[in-house]
Protein backbone atom coordinates (compact mmCIF):
# COMPACT_ATOMS: atom_id res chain seq x y z
CA MET A 1 84.09 97.66 100.77
CA ARG A 2 84.35 101.17 99.30
CA LEU A 3 87.18 102.98 97.57
CA HIS A 4 87.10 106.78 97.33
CA TYR A 5 89.58 109.27 95.91
CA ASP A 6 89.27 112.90 96.98
CA GLU A 7 90.97 114.90 94.24
CA LYS A 8 90.95 118.17 96.21
CA ALA A 9 92.63 116.55 99.24
CA ASP A 10 94.68 114.16 97.04
CA ALA A 11 93.73 111.31 99.37
CA LEU A 12 92.73 107.72 98.67
CA TYR A 13 90.40 106.12 101.22
CA LEU A 14 89.64 102.40 101.36
CA ARG A 15 86.81 101.51 103.75
CA LEU A 16 86.76 97.79 104.51
CA ASP A 17 83.51 97.67 106.50
CA ASP A 18 80.99 99.92 108.23
CA SER A 19 82.22 99.41 111.80
CA LYS A 20 82.40 102.54 113.92
CA ILE A 21 85.89 104.00 113.89
CA GLU A 22 87.22 104.19 117.43
CA GLU A 23 90.85 105.11 116.79
CA SER A 24 93.15 106.21 113.99
CA GLN A 25 96.89 105.78 113.79
CA GLU A 26 99.38 107.21 111.32
CA VAL A 27 101.66 104.19 110.77
CA GLN A 28 103.94 105.98 108.31
CA PRO A 29 103.93 109.59 107.18
CA GLY A 30 100.70 110.01 105.20
CA ILE A 31 99.43 106.45 105.79
CA VAL A 32 96.57 106.31 108.30
CA LEU A 33 94.82 103.19 109.60
CA ASP A 34 91.38 103.40 111.22
CA PHE A 35 90.46 100.81 113.86
CA ASN A 36 87.14 99.65 115.30
CA ALA A 37 86.48 98.76 118.98
CA GLN A 38 87.95 95.28 118.44
CA LYS A 39 91.22 96.86 117.19
CA GLN A 40 90.58 95.59 113.65
CA VAL A 41 91.64 97.73 110.70
CA VAL A 42 88.46 99.00 109.05
CA ALA A 43 89.91 101.68 106.77
CA ILE A 44 93.16 102.77 105.15
CA GLU A 45 93.88 106.32 104.01
CA VAL A 46 96.79 107.30 101.76
CA LEU A 47 97.54 111.02 101.73
CA ARG A 48 99.41 112.86 98.95
CA LEU A 49 98.65 110.04 96.50
CA LYS A 50 99.82 111.89 93.37
CA GLU A 51 103.11 112.78 95.10
CA ARG A 52 103.69 109.13 96.04
CA PHE A 53 102.61 107.73 92.67
CA PRO A 54 102.96 110.51 90.06
CA SER A 55 102.04 108.27 87.12
CA ALA A 56 98.97 106.75 88.80
CA ASP A 57 95.71 107.04 86.88
CA VAL A 58 93.40 107.76 89.83
CA LYS A 59 90.36 108.18 87.58
CA GLY A 60 90.92 104.67 86.23
CA LEU A 61 91.30 102.86 89.56
CA ARG A 62 90.40 99.19 89.30
CA PHE A 63 89.47 96.63 91.89
CA GLU A 64 90.83 93.15 91.25
CA VAL A 65 90.02 89.87 92.96
CA ALA A 66 92.40 86.95 92.56
């Protein structure tokens, strides 16, 4: 699992596995899901992150496991 923030594009990308992406679907404005051949979600992209969460500290992103 990989998490990447592109500051220039203001986009957060969460890649869940390395499956080949076969299809992408914008499920809400600026929220894109990527699917593999088995129709499983393998990535999530959030566009305009700073606009959606103005107080978010993108440089201090943390990954938590409960």
